[in-house]
PDB file of N, CA and C in Angstrom:
ATOM      1  N   UNK A   1      21.196  68.167   3.224  1.00  0.00           N
ATOM      2  CA  UNK A   1      20.533  66.894   3.670  1.00  0.00           C
ATOM      3  C   UNK A   1      19.069  67.106   3.668  1.00  0.00           C
ATOM      4  N   UNK A   2      18.507  66.792   2.526  1.00  0.00           N
ATOM      5  CA  UNK A   2      17.009  66.814   2.374  1.00  0.00           C
ATOM      6  C   UNK A   2      16.560  65.391   2.438  1.00  0.00           C
ATOM      7  N   UNK A   3      16.239  64.915   3.651  1.00  0.00           N
ATOM      8  CA  UNK A   3      15.637  63.623   3.703  1.00  0.00           C
ATOM      9  C   UNK A   3      14.248  63.633   4.022  1.00  0.00           C
ATOM     10  N   UNK A   4      13.462  62.704   3.449  1.00  0.00           N
ATOM     11  CA  UNK A   4      11.922  62.807   3.762  1.00  0.00           C
ATOM     12  C   UNK A   4      11.665  62.516   5.273  1.00  0.00           C
ATOM     13  N   UNK A   5      10.516  63.016   5.691  1.00  0.00           N
ATOM     14  CA  UNK A   5      10.139  62.893   7.019  1.00  0.00           C
ATOM     15  C   UNK A   5      10.068  61.421   7.483  1.00  0.00           C
ATOM     16  N   UNK A   6       9.529  60.563   6.576  1.00  0.00           N
ATOM     17  CA  UNK A   6       9.398  59.140   6.959  1.00  0.00           C
ATOM     18  C   UNK A   6      10.771  58.528   7.332  1.00  0.00           C
ATOM     19  N   UNK A   7      11.914  58.974   6.757  1.00  0.00           N
ATOM     20  CA  UNK A   7      13.228  58.493   7.172  1.00  0.00           C
ATOM     21  C   UNK A   7      13.551  58.925   8.510  1.00  0.00           C
ATOM     22  N   UNK A   8      13.067  59.946   8.958  1.00  0.00           N
ATOM     23  CA  UNK A   8      13.312  60.401  10.269  1.00  0.00           C
ATOM     24  C   UNK A   8      12.508  59.830  11.375  1.00  0.00           C
ATOM     25  N   UNK A   9      11.332  59.226  10.972  1.00  0.00           N
ATOM     26  CA  UNK A   9      10.441  58.619  11.914  1.00  0.00           C
ATOM     27  C   UNK A   9      10.333  57.134  11.615  1.00  0.00           C
ATOM     28  N   UNK A  10      11.451  56.478  11.559  1.00  0.00           N
ATOM     29  CA  UNK A  10      11.575  55.015  11.343  1.00  0.00           C
ATOM     30  C   UNK A  10      10.987  54.321  12.626  1.00  0.00           C
ATOM     31  N   UNK A  11      10.529  53.241  12.482  1.00  0.00           N
ATOM     32  CA  UNK A  11       9.991  52.388  13.740  1.00  0.00           C
ATOM     33  C   UNK A  11      11.099  52.288  14.802  1.00  0.00           C
ATOM     34  N   UNK A  12      12.215  52.095  14.502  1.00  0.00           N
ATOM     35  CA  UNK A  12      13.309  51.947  15.621  1.00  0.00           C
ATOM     36  C   UNK A  12      13.436  53.277  16.309  1.00  0.00           C
ATOM     37  N   UNK A  13      13.356  54.471  15.560  1.00  0.00           N
ATOM     38  CA  UNK A  13      13.432  55.803  16.243  1.00  0.00           C
ATOM     39  C   UNK A  13      12.250  55.909  17.198  1.00  0.00           C
ATOM     40  N   UNK A  14      11.088  55.465  16.714  1.00  0.00           N
ATOM     41  CA  UNK A  14       9.890  55.604  17.621  1.00  0.00           C
ATOM     42  C   UNK A  14       9.956  54.804  18.922  1.00  0.00           C
ATOM     43  N   UNK A  15      10.627  53.630  18.763  1.00  0.00           N
ATOM     44  CA  UNK A  15      10.758  52.718  19.948  1.00  0.00           C
ATOM     45  C   UNK A  15      11.705  53.341  20.902  1.00  0.00           C
ATOM     46  N   UNK A  16      12.725  53.869  20.460  1.00  0.00           N
ATOM     47  CA  UNK A  16      13.819  54.586  21.261  1.00  0.00           C
ATOM     48  C   UNK A  16      13.208  55.798  21.875  1.00  0.00           C
ATOM     49  N   UNK A  17      12.391  56.471  21.176  1.00  0.00           N
ATOM     50  CA  UNK A  17      11.765  57.798  21.769  1.00  0.00           C
ATOM     51  C   UNK A  17      10.800  57.345  22.795  1.00  0.00           C
ATOM     52  N   UNK A  18      10.021  56.292  22.683  1.00  0.00           N
ATOM     53  CA  UNK A  18       9.059  55.824  23.677  1.00  0.00           C
ATOM     54  C   UNK A  18       9.790  55.293  24.851  1.00  0.00           C
ATOM     55  N   UNK A  19      10.982  54.647  24.742  1.00  0.00           N
ATOM     56  CA  UNK A  19      11.776  54.214  25.882  1.00  0.00           C
ATOM     57  C   UNK A  19      12.341  55.423  26.674  1.00  0.00           C
ATOM     58  N   UNK A  20      12.763  56.404  26.087  1.00  0.00           N
ATOM     59  CA  UNK A  20      13.296  57.586  26.697  1.00  0.00           C
ATOM     60  C   UNK A  20      12.204  58.329  27.471  1.00  0.00           C
ATOM     61  N   UNK A  21      10.957  58.428  26.883  1.00  0.00           N
ATOM     62  CA  UNK A  21       9.869  59.001  27.573  1.00  0.00           C
ATOM     63  C   UNK A  21       9.364  58.109  28.810  1.00  0.00           C
ATOM     64  N   UNK A  22       9.429  56.783  28.651  1.00  0.00           N
ATOM     65  CA  UNK A  22       9.173  55.942  29.808  1.00  0.00           C
ATOM     66  C   UNK A  22      10.115  56.087  30.985  1.00  0.00           C
ATOM     67  N   UNK A  23      11.417  56.288  30.596  1.00  0.00           N
ATOM     68  CA  UNK A  23      12.352  56.523  31.679  1.00  0.00           C
ATOM     69  C   UNK A  23      12.233  57.891  32.332  1.00  0.00           C
ATOM     70  N   UNK A  24      11.908  58.870  31.588  1.00  0.00           N
ATOM     71  CA  UNK A  24      11.713  60.235  32.071  1.00  0.00           C
ATOM     72  C   UNK A  24      10.459  60.278  32.967  1.00  0.00           C
ATOM     73  N   UNK A  25       9.417  59.805  32.486  1.00  0.00           N
ATOM     74  CA  UNK A  25       8.119  59.956  33.246  1.00  0.00           C
ATOM     75  C   UNK A  25       7.786  58.911  34.186  1.00  0.00           C
ATOM     76  N   UNK A  26       8.332  57.673  33.877  1.00  0.00           N
ATOM     77  CA  UNK A  26       7.934  56.511  34.734  1.00  0.00           C
ATOM     78  C   UNK A  26       6.661  55.856  34.369  1.00  0.00           C
ATOM     79  N   UNK A  27       6.405  54.569  34.710  1.00  0.00           N
ATOM     80  CA  UNK A  27       5.204  53.903  34.233  1.00  0.00           C
ATOM     81  C   UNK A  27       3.927  54.457  34.822  1.00  0.00           C
ATOM     82  N   UNK A  28       3.832  54.864  36.050  1.00  0.00           N
ATOM     83  CA  UNK A  28       2.574  55.400  36.593  1.00  0.00           C
ATOM     84  C   UNK A  28       2.219  56.726  35.984  1.00  0.00           C
ATOM     85  N   UNK A  29       3.145  57.622  35.913  1.00  0.00           N
ATOM     86  CA  UNK A  29       2.847  58.976  35.251  1.00  0.00           C
ATOM     87  C   UNK A  29       2.472  58.792  33.803  1.00  0.00           C
ATOM     88  N   UNK A  30       3.178  57.839  33.136  1.00  0.00           N
ATOM     89  CA  UNK A  30       2.814  57.650  31.781  1.00  0.00           C
ATOM     90  C   UNK A  30       1.449  57.149  31.514  1.00  0.00           C
ATOM     91  N   UNK A  31       0.969  56.337  32.416  1.00  0.00           N
ATOM     92  CA  UNK A  31      -0.462  55.932  32.368  1.00  0.00           C
ATOM     93  C   UNK A  31      -1.407  56.903  32.604  1.00  0.00           C
ATOM     94  N   UNK A  32      -1.046  57.912  33.514  1.00  0.00           N
ATOM     95  CA  UNK A  32      -2.016  59.068  33.833  1.00  0.00           C
ATOM     96  C   UNK A  32      -1.944  60.000  32.426  1.00  0.00           C
ATOM     97  N   UNK A  33      -0.831  60.195  31.875  1.00  0.00           N
ATOM     98  CA  UNK A  33      -0.880  60.979  30.696  1.00  0.00           C
ATOM     99  C   UNK A  33      -1.591  60.311  29.568  1.00  0.00           C
ATOM    100  N   UNK A  34      -1.460  59.031  29.483  1.00  0.00           N
ATOM    101  CA  UNK A  34      -2.178  58.252  28.280  1.00  0.00           C
ATOM    102  C   UNK A  34      -3.681  58.306  28.608  1.00  0.00           C
ATOM    103  N   UNK A  35      -4.133  58.248  29.720  1.00  0.00           N
ATOM    104  CA  UNK A  35      -5.539  58.330  30.059  1.00  0.00           C
ATOM    105  C   UNK A  35      -6.102  59.713  29.946  1.00  0.00           C
ATOM    106  N   UNK A  36      -5.327  60.636  30.269  1.00  0.00           N
ATOM    107  CA  UNK A  36      -5.799  62.040  29.977  1.00  0.00           C
ATOM    108  C   UNK A  36      -5.756  62.353  28.423  1.00  0.00           C
ATOM    109  N   UNK A  37      -4.912  61.794  27.759  1.00  0.00           N
ATOM    110  CA  UNK A  37      -4.896  61.997  26.291  1.00  0.00           C
ATOM    111  C   UNK A  37      -6.147  61.259  25.660  1.00  0.00           C
ATOM    112  N   UNK A  38      -6.379  60.031  26.124  1.00  0.00           N
ATOM    113  CA  UNK A  38      -7.588  59.309  25.514  1.00  0.00           C
ATOM    114  C   UNK A  38      -8.869  60.007  25.902  1.00  0.00           C
ATOM    115  N   UNK A  39      -8.953  60.630  27.181  1.00  0.00           N
ATOM    116  CA  UNK A  39     -10.168  61.276  27.431  1.00  0.00           C
ATOM    117  C   UNK A  39     -10.372  62.581  26.578  1.00  0.00           C
ATOM    118  N   UNK A  40      -9.236  63.203  26.325  1.00  0.00           N
ATOM    119  CA  UNK A  40      -9.311  64.431  25.456  1.00  0.00           C
ATOM    120  C   UNK A  40      -9.677  64.112  23.995  1.00  0.00           C
ATOM    121  N   UNK A  41      -9.235  62.956  23.564  1.00  0.00           N
ATOM    122  CA  UNK A  41      -9.525  62.631  22.193  1.00  0.00           C
ATOM    123  C   UNK A  41     -11.101  62.141  22.180  1.00  0.00           C
ATOM    124  N   UNK A  42     -11.601  61.430  23.148  1.00  0.00           N
ATOM    125  CA  UNK A  42     -12.927  61.101  23.254  1.00  0.00           C
ATOM    126  C   UNK A  42     -13.856  62.325  23.328  1.00  0.00           C
ATOM    127  N   UNK A  43     -13.574  63.310  24.118  1.00  0.00           N
ATOM    128  CA  UNK A  43     -14.232  64.482  24.238  1.00  0.00           C
ATOM    129  C   UNK A  43     -14.326  65.280  22.920  1.00  0.00           C
ATOM    130  N   UNK A  44     -13.157  65.368  22.239  1.00  0.00           N
ATOM    131  CA  UNK A  44     -13.071  66.054  21.014  1.00  0.00           C
ATOM    132  C   UNK A  44     -14.040  65.366  19.925  1.00  0.00           C
ATOM    133  N   UNK A  45     -13.906  63.970  19.809  1.00  0.00           N
ATOM    134  CA  UNK A  45     -14.805  63.370  18.853  1.00  0.00           C
ATOM    135  C   UNK A  45     -16.225  63.537  19.136  1.00  0.00           C
ATOM    136  N   UNK A  46     -16.554  63.505  20.501  1.00  0.00           N
ATOM    137  CA  UNK A  46     -17.997  63.722  20.893  1.00  0.00           C
ATOM    138  C   UNK A  46     -18.425  65.253  20.470  1.00  0.00           C
ATOM    139  N   UNK A  47     -17.616  66.159  20.728  1.00  0.00           N
ATOM    140  CA  UNK A  47     -17.927  67.572  20.346  1.00  0.00           C
ATOM    141  C   UNK A  47     -18.080  67.715  18.867  1.00  0.00           C
ATOM    142  N   UNK A  48     -17.192  67.024  18.099  1.00  0.00           N
ATOM    143  CA  UNK A  48     -17.283  67.127  16.568  1.00  0.00           C
ATOM    144  C   UNK A  48     -18.610  66.536  16.073  1.00  0.00           C
ATOM    145  N   UNK A  49     -18.989  65.331  16.644  1.00  0.00           N
ATOM    146  CA  UNK A  49     -20.127  64.547  16.125  1.00  0.00           C
ATOM    147  C   UNK A  49     -21.403  65.047  16.631  1.00  0.00           C
ATOM    148  N   UNK A  50     -21.544  65.691  17.774  1.00  0.00           N
ATOM    149  CA  UNK A  50     -22.872  66.114  18.327  1.00  0.00           C
ATOM    150  C   UNK A  50     -23.315  67.350  17.542  1.00  0.00           C
ATOM    151  N   UNK A  51     -24.668  67.327  17.239  1.00  0.00           N
ATOM    152  CA  UNK A  51     -25.142  68.469  16.546  1.00  0.00           C
ATOM    153  C   UNK A  51     -25.243  69.729  17.561  1.00  0.00           C
ATOM    154  N   UNK A  52     -25.083  70.877  16.735  1.00  0.00           N
ATOM    155  CA  UNK A  52     -25.067  72.180  17.525  1.00  0.00           C
ATOM    156  C   UNK A  52     -26.463  72.486  17.866  1.00  0.00           C
ATOM    157  N   UNK A  53     -26.512  73.073  19.089  1.00  0.00           N
ATOM    158  CA  UNK A  53     -27.798  73.662  19.611  1.00  0.00           C
ATOM    159  C   UNK A  53     -27.924  75.066  19.043  1.00  0.00           C
ATOM    160  N   UNK A  54     -28.841  75.314  18.141  1.00  0.00           N
ATOM    161  CA  UNK A  54     -28.954  76.577  17.732  1.00  0.00           C
ATOM    162  C   UNK A  54     -30.439  77.086  18.019  1.00  0.00           C
ATOM    163  N   UNK A  55     -30.557  78.420  18.121  1.00  0.00           N
ATOM    164  CA  UNK A  55     -31.800  79.011  18.482  1.00  0.00           C
ATOM    165  C   UNK A  55     -32.812  78.997  17.296  1.00  0.00           C
ATOM    166  N   UNK A  56     -32.392  78.596  16.037  1.00  0.00           N
ATOM    167  CA  UNK A  56     -33.168  78.526  14.942  1.00  0.00           C
ATOM    168  C   UNK A  56     -34.169  77.542  14.996  1.00  0.00           C
ATOM    169  N   UNK A  57     -33.888  76.441  15.608  1.00  0.00           N
ATOM    170  CA  UNK A  57     -34.727  75.189  15.713  1.00  0.00           C
ATOM    171  C   UNK A  57     -35.683  75.468  16.918  1.00  0.00           C
ATOM    172  N   UNK A  58     -36.734  76.111  16.746  1.00  0.00           N
ATOM    173  CA  UNK A  58     -37.769  76.354  17.767  1.00  0.00           C
ATOM    174  C   UNK A  58     -38.843  75.346  17.606  1.00  0.00           C
ATOM    175  N   UNK A  59     -39.115  74.572  18.679  1.00  0.00           N
ATOM    176  CA  UNK A  59     -40.265  73.707  18.606  1.00  0.00           C
ATOM    177  C   UNK A  59     -41.522  74.333  19.137  1.00  0.00           C
ATOM    178  N   UNK A  60     -42.623  74.046  18.459  1.00  0.00           N
ATOM    179  CA  UNK A  60     -43.895  74.635  18.817  1.00  0.00           C
ATOM    180  C   UNK A  60     -44.777  73.540  19.429  1.00  0.00           C
ATOM    181  N   UNK A  61     -45.446  73.983  20.327  1.00  0.00           N
ATOM    182  CA  UNK A  61     -46.492  73.027  21.015  1.00  0.00           C
ATOM    183  C   UNK A  61     -47.640  72.771  19.994  1.00  0.00           C
ATOM    184  N   UNK A  62     -48.293  71.616  20.069  1.00  0.00           N
ATOM    185  CA  UNK A  62     -49.468  71.283  19.317  1.00  0.00           C
ATOM    186  C   UNK A  62     -50.532  72.270  19.509  1.00  0.00           C
ATOM    187  N   UNK A  63     -51.198  72.815  18.499  1.00  0.00           N
ATOM    188  CA  UNK A  63     -52.242  73.741  18.584  1.00  0.00           C
ATOM    189  C   UNK A  63     -51.830  75.242  18.338  1.00  0.00           C
ATOM    190  N   UNK A  64     -50.526  75.394  18.414  1.00  0.00           N
ATOM    191  CA  UNK A  64     -50.002  76.800  18.240  1.00  0.00           C
ATOM    192  C   UNK A  64     -49.984  77.096  16.669  1.00  0.00           C
ATOM    193  N   UNK A  65     -50.223  78.405  16.304  1.00  0.00           N
ATOM    194  CA  UNK A  65     -50.135  78.675  14.885  1.00  0.00           C
ATOM    195  C   UNK A  65     -48.753  78.246  14.358  1.00  0.00           C
ATOM    196  N   UNK A  66     -48.713  77.617  13.152  1.00  0.00           N
ATOM    197  CA  UNK A  66     -47.477  77.253  12.534  1.00  0.00           C
ATOM    198  C   UNK A  66     -47.016  75.799  12.905  1.00  0.00           C
ATOM    199  N   UNK A  67     -47.762  75.163  13.881  1.00  0.00           N
ATOM    200  CA  UNK A  67     -47.381  73.853  14.226  1.00  0.00           C
ATOM    201  C   UNK A  67     -48.079  72.820  13.290  1.00  0.00           C
ATOM    202  N   UNK A  68     -47.576  71.638  13.206  1.00  0.00           N
ATOM    203  CA  UNK A  68     -48.287  70.556  12.423  1.00  0.00           C
ATOM    204  C   UNK A  68     -49.283  69.819  13.146  1.00  0.00           C
ATOM    205  N   UNK A  69     -49.313  69.936  14.389  1.00  0.00           N
ATOM    206  CA  UNK A  69     -50.297  69.004  15.109  1.00  0.00           C
ATOM    207  C   UNK A  69     -51.305  69.590  15.664  1.00  0.00           C
TER     208      UNK A  69
END
């Protein structure tokens, strides 16, 4: 029985799965889980997009040797 994965994840299957999860966790707990998941995704995107702080980027004060100002 070699069926593609898309056949196993048909929209009706996803709806049934979401209904089962809703019955198990309840609406309030599901909202908490969704909020935590959203916060985790936002934090991950922020961490991926923000530049790294490296010690190689040293800023020099104006007037110091090697500075442009």
